[in-house]
Amino acid sequence: GAVHIGRGVLERDIEAAVPDKKSEVVLYCGGGFRSALAAENL
């Protein structure tokens, strides 16, 4: 059920995939490191 938006394009593509910035978003990667960096950027 997950949707793929790679770390390299996340900031570029997230607003099209999740336009409502109040929506709940849970990110994951291989071990929780890249997703932490991505969460901060979002």
All heavy atoms as atom14 arrays in JSON, in Angstrom:
{
  "sequence": "GAVHIGRGVLERDIEAAVPDKKSEVVLYCGGGFRSALAAENL",
  "atom14_mask": [
    [1, 1, 1, 1, 0, 0, 0, 0, 0, 0, 0, 0, 0, 0],
    [1, 1, 1, 1, 1, 0, 0, 0, 0, 0, 0, 0, 0, 0],
    [1, 1, 1, 1, 1, 1, 1, 0, 0, 0, 0, 0, 0, 0],
    [1, 1, 1, 1, 1, 1, 1, 1, 1, 1, 0, 0, 0, 0],
    [1, 1, 1, 1, 1, 1, 1, 1, 0, 0, 0, 0, 0, 0],
    [1, 1, 1, 1, 0, 0, 0, 0, 0, 0, 0, 0, 0, 0],
    [1, 1, 1, 1, 1, 1, 1, 1, 1, 1, 1, 0, 0, 0],
    [1, 1, 1, 1, 0, 0, 0, 0, 0, 0, 0, 0, 0, 0],
    [1, 1, 1, 1, 1, 1, 1, 0, 0, 0, 0, 0, 0, 0],
    [1, 1, 1, 1, 1, 1, 1, 1, 0, 0, 0, 0, 0, 0],
    [1, 1, 1, 1, 1, 1, 1, 1, 1, 0, 0, 0, 0, 0],
    [1, 1, 1, 1, 1, 1, 1, 1, 1, 1, 1, 0, 0, 0],
    [1, 1, 1, 1, 1, 1, 1, 1, 0, 0, 0, 0, 0, 0],
    [1, 1, 1, 1, 1, 1, 1, 1, 0, 0, 0, 0, 0, 0],
    [1, 1, 1, 1, 1, 1, 1, 1, 1, 0, 0, 0, 0, 0],
    [1, 1, 1, 1, 1, 0, 0, 0, 0, 0, 0, 0, 0, 0],
    [1, 1, 1, 1, 1, 0, 0, 0, 0, 0, 0, 0, 0, 0],
    [1, 1, 1, 1, 1, 1, 1, 0, 0, 0, 0, 0, 0, 0],
    [1, 1, 1, 1, 1, 1, 1, 0, 0, 0, 0, 0, 0, 0],
    [1, 1, 1, 1, 1, 1, 1, 1, 0, 0, 0, 0, 0, 0],
    [1, 1, 1, 1, 1, 1, 1, 1, 1, 0, 0, 0, 0, 0],
    [1, 1, 1, 1, 1, 1, 1, 1, 1, 0, 0, 0, 0, 0],
    [1, 1, 1, 1, 1, 1, 0, 0, 0, 0, 0, 0, 0, 0],
    [1, 1, 1, 1, 1, 1, 1, 1, 1, 0, 0, 0, 0, 0],
    [1, 1, 1, 1, 1, 1, 1, 0, 0, 0, 0, 0, 0, 0],
    [1, 1, 1, 1, 1, 1, 1, 0, 0, 0, 0, 0, 0, 0],
    [1, 1, 1, 1, 1, 1, 1, 1, 0, 0, 0, 0, 0, 0],
    [1, 1, 1, 1, 1, 1, 1, 1, 1, 1, 1, 1, 0, 0],
    [1, 1, 1, 1, 1, 1, 0, 0, 0, 0, 0, 0, 0, 0],
    [1, 1, 1, 1, 0, 0, 0, 0, 0, 0, 0, 0, 0, 0],
    [1, 1, 1, 1, 0, 0, 0, 0, 0, 0, 0, 0, 0, 0],
    [1, 1, 1, 1, 0, 0, 0, 0, 0, 0, 0, 0, 0, 0],
    [1, 1, 1, 1, 1, 1, 1, 1, 1, 1, 1, 0, 0, 0],
    [1, 1, 1, 1, 1, 1, 1, 1, 1, 1, 1, 0, 0, 0],
    [1, 1, 1, 1, 1, 1, 0, 0, 0, 0, 0, 0, 0, 0],
    [1, 1, 1, 1, 1, 0, 0, 0, 0, 0, 0, 0, 0, 0],
    [1, 1, 1, 1, 1, 1, 1, 1, 0, 0, 0, 0, 0, 0],
    [1, 1, 1, 1, 1, 0, 0, 0, 0, 0, 0, 0, 0, 0],
    [1, 1, 1, 1, 1, 0, 0, 0, 0, 0, 0, 0, 0, 0],
    [1, 1, 1, 1, 1, 1, 1, 1, 1, 0, 0, 0, 0, 0],
    [1, 1, 1, 1, 1, 1, 1, 1, 0, 0, 0, 0, 0, 0],
    [1, 1, 1, 1, 1, 1, 1, 1, 0, 0, 0, 0, 0, 0]
  ],
  "atom14_positions": [
    [[0.78, -1.22, 0.0], [0.0, 0.0, 0.0], [0.82, 1.28, 0.0], [0.26, 2.37, -0.12], [0.0, 0.0, 0.0], [0.0, 0.0, 0.0], [0.0, 0.0, 0.0], [0.0, 0.0, 0.0], [0.0, 0.0, 0.0], [0.0, 0.0, 0.0], [0.0, 0.0, 0.0], [0.0, 0.0, 0.0], [0.0, 0.0, 0.0], [0.0, 0.0, 0.0]],
    [[2.13, 1.16, 0.11], [2.98, 2.36, 0.12], [3.05, 2.98, -1.28], [2.83, 2.31, -2.29], [4.39, 2.02, 0.6], [0.0, 0.0, 0.0], [0.0, 0.0, 0.0], [0.0, 0.0, 0.0], [0.0, 0.0, 0.0], [0.0, 0.0, 0.0], [0.0, 0.0, 0.0], [0.0, 0.0, 0.0], [0.0, 0.0, 0.0], [0.0, 0.0, 0.0]],
    [[3.35, 4.25, -1.3], [3.57, 5.0, -2.54], [5.06, 5.33, -2.6], [5.67, 5.66, -1.58], [2.73, 6.3, -2.55], [3.08, 7.18, -3.71], [1.25, 5.96, -2.54], [0.0, 0.0, 0.0], [0.0, 0.0, 0.0], [0.0, 0.0, 0.0], [0.0, 0.0, 0.0], [0.0, 0.0, 0.0], [0.0, 0.0, 0.0], [0.0, 0.0, 0.0]],
    [[5.64, 5.24, -3.78], [7.06, 5.51, -3.93], [7.3, 6.93, -4.43], [6.8, 7.31, -5.49], [7.68, 4.52, -4.92], [9.14, 4.69, -5.11], [9.7, 4.97, -6.31], [10.15, 4.63, -4.21], [11.01, 5.06, -6.17], [11.31, 4.86, -4.9], [0.0, 0.0, 0.0], [0.0, 0.0, 0.0], [0.0, 0.0, 0.0], [0.0, 0.0, 0.0]],
    [[8.02, 7.68, -3.63], [8.57, 8.97, -4.08], [9.99, 8.98, -3.54], [10.23, 9.23, -2.36], [7.79, 10.19, -3.54], [6.31, 10.09, -3.82], [8.38, 11.48, -4.14], [5.48, 11.22, -3.24], [0.0, 0.0, 0.0], [0.0, 0.0, 0.0], [0.0, 0.0, 0.0], [0.0, 0.0, 0.0], [0.0, 0.0, 0.0], [0.0, 0.0, 0.0]],
    [[10.95, 8.67, -4.4], [12.33, 8.55, -3.98], [12.86, 9.82, -3.33], [12.43, 10.93, -3.64], [0.0, 0.0, 0.0], [0.0, 0.0, 0.0], [0.0, 0.0, 0.0], [0.0, 0.0, 0.0], [0.0, 0.0, 0.0], [0.0, 0.0, 0.0], [0.0, 0.0, 0.0], [0.0, 0.0, 0.0], [0.0, 0.0, 0.0], [0.0, 0.0, 0.0]],
    [[13.79, 9.63, -2.42], [14.39, 10.72, -1.67], [14.92, 11.82, -2.59], [14.83, 13.0, -2.29], [15.52, 10.15, -0.78], [16.32, 11.16, -0.01], [15.53, 11.66, 1.19], [16.27, 12.72, 1.83], [16.09, 14.01, 1.6], [15.17, 14.4, 0.74], [16.81, 14.91, 2.2], [0.0, 0.0, 0.0], [0.0, 0.0, 0.0], [0.0, 0.0, 0.0]],
    [[15.44, 11.44, -3.73], [16.03, 12.42, -4.64], [15.02, 13.35, -5.3], [15.4, 14.41, -5.79], [0.0, 0.0, 0.0], [0.0, 0.0, 0.0], [0.0, 0.0, 0.0], [0.0, 0.0, 0.0], [0.0, 0.0, 0.0], [0.0, 0.0, 0.0], [0.0, 0.0, 0.0], [0.0, 0.0, 0.0], [0.0, 0.0, 0.0], [0.0, 0.0, 0.0]],
    [[13.75, 12.95, -5.31], [12.73, 13.77, -5.96], [11.58, 14.14, -5.02], [10.6, 14.74, -5.44], [12.16, 13.09, -7.24], [13.25, 12.92, -8.28], [11.49, 11.77, -6.9], [0.0, 0.0, 0.0], [0.0, 0.0, 0.0], [0.0, 0.0, 0.0], [0.0, 0.0, 0.0], [0.0, 0.0, 0.0], [0.0, 0.0, 0.0], [0.0, 0.0, 0.0]],
    [[11.7, 13.77, -3.77], [10.61, 13.97, -2.82], [10.16, 15.42, -2.74], [8.97, 15.72, -2.86], [11.01, 13.47, -1.43], [9.95, 13.63, -0.34], [8.77, 12.71, -0.62], [10.56, 13.33, 1.02], [0.0, 0.0, 0.0], [0.0, 0.0, 0.0], [0.0, 0.0, 0.0], [0.0, 0.0, 0.0], [0.0, 0.0, 0.0], [0.0, 0.0, 0.0]],
    [[11.08, 16.31, -2.52], [10.71, 17.72, -2.35], [10.1, 18.28, -3.64], [9.2, 19.12, -3.58], [11.93, 18.56, -1.94], [12.45, 18.24, -0.55], [13.38, 17.02, -0.48], [13.6, 16.36, -1.52], [13.88, 16.73, 0.61], [0.0, 0.0, 0.0], [0.0, 0.0, 0.0], [0.0, 0.0, 0.0], [0.0, 0.0, 0.0], [0.0, 0.0, 0.0]],
    [[10.52, 17.77, -4.77], [9.97, 18.22, -6.05], [8.55, 17.7, -6.26], [7.69, 18.42, -6.79], [10.87, 17.74, -7.19], [10.42, 18.2, -8.57], [11.12, 17.46, -9.67], [10.6, 16.09, -9.77], [11.19, 15.13, -10.47], [12.31, 15.36, -11.13], [10.66, 13.92, -10.52], [0.0, 0.0, 0.0], [0.0, 0.0, 0.0], [0.0, 0.0, 0.0]],
    [[8.29, 16.46, -5.85], [7.05, 15.78, -6.22], [5.99, 15.69, -5.12], [4.85, 15.32, -5.4], [7.36, 14.37, -6.71], [8.16, 14.36, -8.0], [8.32, 15.43, -8.63], [8.63, 13.28, -8.4], [0.0, 0.0, 0.0], [0.0, 0.0, 0.0], [0.0, 0.0, 0.0], [0.0, 0.0, 0.0], [0.0, 0.0, 0.0], [0.0, 0.0, 0.0]],
    [[6.35, 15.99, -3.89], [5.42, 15.76, -2.78], [4.14, 16.58, -2.89], [3.06, 16.09, -2.56], [6.11, 15.99, -1.4], [5.22, 15.52, -0.26], [6.51, 17.45, -1.23], [4.94, 14.06, -0.21], [0.0, 0.0, 0.0], [0.0, 0.0, 0.0], [0.0, 0.0, 0.0], [0.0, 0.0, 0.0], [0.0, 0.0, 0.0], [0.0, 0.0, 0.0]],
    [[4.22, 17.81, -3.33], [3.03, 18.65, -3.36], [1.99, 18.15, -4.35], [0.78, 18.32, -4.13], [3.4, 20.11, -3.62], [4.14, 20.71, -2.43], [4.66, 22.1, -2.68], [5.26, 22.34, -3.75], [4.48, 22.95, -1.8], [0.0, 0.0, 0.0], [0.0, 0.0, 0.0], [0.0, 0.0, 0.0], [0.0, 0.0, 0.0], [0.0, 0.0, 0.0]],
    [[2.43, 17.49, -5.42], [1.47, 16.89, -6.35], [0.84, 15.63, -5.75], [-0.35, 15.38, -5.91], [2.15, 16.55, -7.68], [0.0, 0.0, 0.0], [0.0, 0.0, 0.0], [0.0, 0.0, 0.0], [0.0, 0.0, 0.0], [0.0, 0.0, 0.0], [0.0, 0.0, 0.0], [0.0, 0.0, 0.0], [0.0, 0.0, 0.0], [0.0, 0.0, 0.0]],
    [[1.64, 14.86, -5.02], [1.14, 13.62, -4.42], [0.3, 13.86, -3.17], [-0.68, 13.17, -2.94], [2.32, 12.7, -4.08], [0.0, 0.0, 0.0], [0.0, 0.0, 0.0], [0.0, 0.0, 0.0], [0.0, 0.0, 0.0], [0.0, 0.0, 0.0], [0.0, 0.0, 0.0], [0.0, 0.0, 0.0], [0.0, 0.0, 0.0], [0.0, 0.0, 0.0]],
    [[0.7, 14.85, -2.38], [0.0, 15.17, -1.13], [-0.17, 16.69, -1.07], [0.62, 17.4, -0.45], [0.79, 14.67, 0.11], [0.0, 14.93, 1.39], [1.14, 13.2, -0.02], [0.0, 0.0, 0.0], [0.0, 0.0, 0.0], [0.0, 0.0, 0.0], [0.0, 0.0, 0.0], [0.0, 0.0, 0.0], [0.0, 0.0, 0.0], [0.0, 0.0, 0.0]],
    [[-1.19, 17.22, -1.74], [-1.35, 18.67, -1.79], [-1.76, 19.31, -0.45], [-1.42, 20.46, -0.19], [-2.42, 18.9, -2.85], [-3.07, 17.59, -3.09], [-2.14, 16.52, -2.62], [0.0, 0.0, 0.0], [0.0, 0.0, 0.0], [0.0, 0.0, 0.0], [0.0, 0.0, 0.0], [0.0, 0.0, 0.0], [0.0, 0.0, 0.0], [0.0, 0.0, 0.0]],
    [[-2.47, 18.57, 0.38], [-2.91, 19.1, 1.67], [-1.78, 18.94, 2.69], [-1.49, 17.83, 3.14], [-4.16, 18.37, 2.14], [-4.68, 18.87, 3.48], [-4.06, 19.78, 4.08], [-5.7, 18.33, 3.95], [0.0, 0.0, 0.0], [0.0, 0.0, 0.0], [0.0, 0.0, 0.0], [0.0, 0.0, 0.0], [0.0, 0.0, 0.0], [0.0, 0.0, 0.0]],
    [[-1.17, 20.03, 3.06], [0.0, 19.98, 3.94], [-0.36, 19.63, 5.39], [0.53, 19.43, 6.21], [0.76, 21.29, 3.87], [1.41, 21.48, 2.51], [2.28, 22.69, 2.43], [2.93, 22.75, 1.06], [3.88, 23.84, 0.95], [0.0, 0.0, 0.0], [0.0, 0.0, 0.0], [0.0, 0.0, 0.0], [0.0, 0.0, 0.0], [0.0, 0.0, 0.0]],
    [[-1.65, 19.49, 5.67], [-2.08, 19.04, 7.0], [-2.33, 17.53, 7.03], [-2.55, 16.96, 8.09], [-3.35, 19.78, 7.43], [-3.11, 21.27, 7.65], [-4.39, 21.97, 8.0], [-4.13, 23.47, 8.11], [-5.38, 24.22, 8.22], [0.0, 0.0, 0.0], [0.0, 0.0, 0.0], [0.0, 0.0, 0.0], [0.0, 0.0, 0.0], [0.0, 0.0, 0.0]],
    [[-2.31, 16.88, 5.87], [-2.51, 15.43, 5.79], [-1.4, 14.71, 6.54], [-0.26, 15.17, 6.58], [-2.47, 14.97, 4.33], [-3.55, 15.47, 3.62], [0.0, 0.0, 0.0], [0.0, 0.0, 0.0], [0.0, 0.0, 0.0], [0.0, 0.0, 0.0], [0.0, 0.0, 0.0], [0.0, 0.0, 0.0], [0.0, 0.0, 0.0], [0.0, 0.0, 0.0]],
    [[-1.75, 13.55, 7.09], [-0.72, 12.77, 7.76], [0.14, 12.04, 6.74], [-0.37, 11.36, 5.84], [-1.33, 11.75, 8.72], [-0.25, 10.98, 9.46], [-0.77, 10.02, 10.5], [-2.0, 9.81, 10.57], [0.08, 9.48, 11.23], [0.0, 0.0, 0.0], [0.0, 0.0, 0.0], [0.0, 0.0, 0.0], [0.0, 0.0, 0.0], [0.0, 0.0, 0.0]],
    [[1.45, 12.17, 6.9], [2.43, 11.55, 6.03], [3.4, 10.76, 6.91], [3.99, 11.32, 7.84], [3.21, 12.6, 5.21], [4.28, 11.94, 4.36], [2.26, 13.43, 4.34], [0.0, 0.0, 0.0], [0.0, 0.0, 0.0], [0.0, 0.0, 0.0], [0.0, 0.0, 0.0], [0.0, 0.0, 0.0], [0.0, 0.0, 0.0], [0.0, 0.0, 0.0]],
    [[3.57, 9.48, 6.6], [4.57, 8.65, 7.27], [5.58, 8.22, 6.21], [5.2, 7.63, 5.19], [3.93, 7.41, 7.93], [5.02, 6.51, 8.54], [2.92, 7.82, 8.99], [0.0, 0.0, 0.0], [0.0, 0.0, 0.0], [0.0, 0.0, 0.0], [0.0, 0.0, 0.0], [0.0, 0.0, 0.0], [0.0, 0.0, 0.0], [0.0, 0.0, 0.0]],
    [[6.83, 8.54, 6.46], [7.91, 8.22, 5.53], [8.71, 7.04, 6.04], [8.89, 6.88, 7.25], [8.85, 9.42, 5.4], [8.25, 10.76, 5.01], [9.3, 11.85, 5.1], [7.65, 10.69, 3.62], [0.0, 0.0, 0.0], [0.0, 0.0, 0.0], [0.0, 0.0, 0.0], [0.0, 0.0, 0.0], [0.0, 0.0, 0.0], [0.0, 0.0, 0.0]],
    [[9.2, 6.23, 5.12], [10.15, 5.19, 5.52], [11.2, 5.0, 4.43], [10.99, 5.33, 3.27], [9.45, 3.86, 5.85], [8.96, 3.06, 4.67], [9.77, 2.11, 4.06], [7.67, 3.24, 4.17], [9.31, 1.36, 2.98], [7.21, 2.5, 3.1], [8.04, 1.55, 2.51], [7.59, 0.81, 1.45], [0.0, 0.0, 0.0], [0.0, 0.0, 0.0]],
    [[12.35, 4.5, 4.86], [13.44, 4.17, 3.95], [13.95, 2.8, 4.34], [13.21, 2.0, 4.91], [14.52, 5.25, 4.0], [15.29, 5.43, 5.63], [0.0, 0.0, 0.0], [0.0, 0.0, 0.0], [0.0, 0.0, 0.0], [0.0, 0.0, 0.0], [0.0, 0.0, 0.0], [0.0, 0.0, 0.0], [0.0, 0.0, 0.0], [0.0, 0.0, 0.0]],
    [[15.21, 2.51, 4.12], [15.75, 1.21, 4.47], [15.92, 1.0, 5.96], [15.65, -0.08, 6.48], [0.0, 0.0, 0.0], [0.0, 0.0, 0.0], [0.0, 0.0, 0.0], [0.0, 0.0, 0.0], [0.0, 0.0, 0.0], [0.0, 0.0, 0.0], [0.0, 0.0, 0.0], [0.0, 0.0, 0.0], [0.0, 0.0, 0.0], [0.0, 0.0, 0.0]],
    [[16.36, 2.04, 6.66], [16.63, 1.88, 8.08], [16.16, 3.0, 8.97], [16.37, 2.97, 10.18], [0.0, 0.0, 0.0], [0.0, 0.0, 0.0], [0.0, 0.0, 0.0], [0.0, 0.0, 0.0], [0.0, 0.0, 0.0], [0.0, 0.0, 0.0], [0.0, 0.0, 0.0], [0.0, 0.0, 0.0], [0.0, 0.0, 0.0], [0.0, 0.0, 0.0]],
    [[15.55, 4.04, 8.38], [15.03, 5.14, 9.17], [15.9, 6.38, 9.19], [15.57, 7.37, 9.84], [0.0, 0.0, 0.0], [0.0, 0.0, 0.0], [0.0, 0.0, 0.0], [0.0, 0.0, 0.0], [0.0, 0.0, 0.0], [0.0, 0.0, 0.0], [0.0, 0.0, 0.0], [0.0, 0.0, 0.0], [0.0, 0.0, 0.0], [0.0, 0.0, 0.0]],
    [[17.01, 6.36, 8.47], [17.91, 7.51, 8.45], [17.49, 8.53, 7.38], [17.26, 9.68, 7.68], [19.36, 7.05, 8.19], [19.91, 6.19, 9.28], [19.94, 4.82, 9.15], [20.42, 6.76, 10.44], [20.45, 4.02, 10.15], [20.95, 5.97, 11.45], [20.96, 4.59, 11.3], [0.0, 0.0, 0.0], [0.0, 0.0, 0.0], [0.0, 0.0, 0.0]],
    [[17.37, 8.06, 6.13], [16.98, 8.97, 5.05], [15.58, 9.52, 5.27], [15.31, 10.68, 4.94], [17.06, 8.26, 3.7], [18.47, 7.92, 3.27], [18.5, 7.04, 2.05], [18.06, 5.7, 2.4], [17.84, 4.72, 1.53], [17.98, 4.94, 0.22], [17.47, 3.52, 1.93], [0.0, 0.0, 0.0], [0.0, 0.0, 0.0], [0.0, 0.0, 0.0]],
    [[14.7, 8.71, 5.83], [13.33, 9.19, 6.06], [13.31, 10.27, 7.14], [12.46, 11.16, 7.1], [12.4, 8.04, 6.42], [12.82, 7.33, 7.55], [0.0, 0.0, 0.0], [0.0, 0.0, 0.0], [0.0, 0.0, 0.0], [0.0, 0.0, 0.0], [0.0, 0.0, 0.0], [0.0, 0.0, 0.0], [0.0, 0.0, 0.0], [0.0, 0.0, 0.0]],
    [[14.23, 10.23, 8.09], [14.32, 11.3, 9.09], [14.73, 12.61, 8.42], [14.15, 13.67, 8.69], [15.31, 10.93, 10.19], [0.0, 0.0, 0.0], [0.0, 0.0, 0.0], [0.0, 0.0, 0.0], [0.0, 0.0, 0.0], [0.0, 0.0, 0.0], [0.0, 0.0, 0.0], [0.0, 0.0, 0.0], [0.0, 0.0, 0.0], [0.0, 0.0, 0.0]],
    [[15.72, 12.54, 7.54], [16.14, 13.74, 6.81], [15.0, 14.26, 5.94], [14.75, 15.47, 5.87], [17.36, 13.43, 5.93], [18.64, 13.01, 6.65], [19.68, 12.54, 5.65], [19.17, 14.15, 7.5], [0.0, 0.0, 0.0], [0.0, 0.0, 0.0], [0.0, 0.0, 0.0], [0.0, 0.0, 0.0], [0.0, 0.0, 0.0], [0.0, 0.0, 0.0]],
    [[14.29, 13.34, 5.29], [13.17, 13.73, 4.43], [12.05, 14.37, 5.24], [11.45, 15.35, 4.8], [12.66, 12.51, 3.67], [0.0, 0.0, 0.0], [0.0, 0.0, 0.0], [0.0, 0.0, 0.0], [0.0, 0.0, 0.0], [0.0, 0.0, 0.0], [0.0, 0.0, 0.0], [0.0, 0.0, 0.0], [0.0, 0.0, 0.0], [0.0, 0.0, 0.0]],
    [[11.77, 13.82, 6.42], [10.7, 14.38, 7.26], [11.03, 15.81, 7.66], [10.14, 16.68, 7.66], [10.51, 13.51, 8.51], [0.0, 0.0, 0.0], [0.0, 0.0, 0.0], [0.0, 0.0, 0.0], [0.0, 0.0, 0.0], [0.0, 0.0, 0.0], [0.0, 0.0, 0.0], [0.0, 0.0, 0.0], [0.0, 0.0, 0.0], [0.0, 0.0, 0.0]],
    [[12.27, 16.07, 7.99], [12.64, 17.44, 8.34], [12.42, 18.38, 7.16], [11.88, 19.48, 7.32], [14.09, 17.52, 8.8], [14.47, 18.94, 9.2], [15.91, 19.11, 9.61], [16.71, 18.16, 9.53], [16.25, 20.24, 10.01], [0.0, 0.0, 0.0], [0.0, 0.0, 0.0], [0.0, 0.0, 0.0], [0.0, 0.0, 0.0], [0.0, 0.0, 0.0]],
    [[12.78, 17.95, 5.97], [12.58, 18.82, 4.8], [11.1, 19.05, 4.53], [10.7, 20.17, 4.16], [13.26, 18.24, 3.57], [14.68, 18.72, 3.45], [15.14, 19.56, 4.22], [15.4, 18.19, 2.48], [0.0, 0.0, 0.0], [0.0, 0.0, 0.0], [0.0, 0.0, 0.0], [0.0, 0.0, 0.0], [0.0, 0.0, 0.0], [0.0, 0.0, 0.0]],
    [[10.26, 18.04, 4.69], [8.83, 18.25, 4.48], [8.28, 19.24, 5.5], [7.43, 20.07, 5.16], [8.06, 16.93, 4.52], [8.32, 15.95, 3.38], [7.31, 14.82, 3.42], [8.32, 16.64, 2.03], [0.0, 0.0, 0.0], [0.0, 0.0, 0.0], [0.0, 0.0, 0.0], [0.0, 0.0, 0.0], [0.0, 0.0, 0.0], [0.0, 0.0, 0.0]]
  ]
}
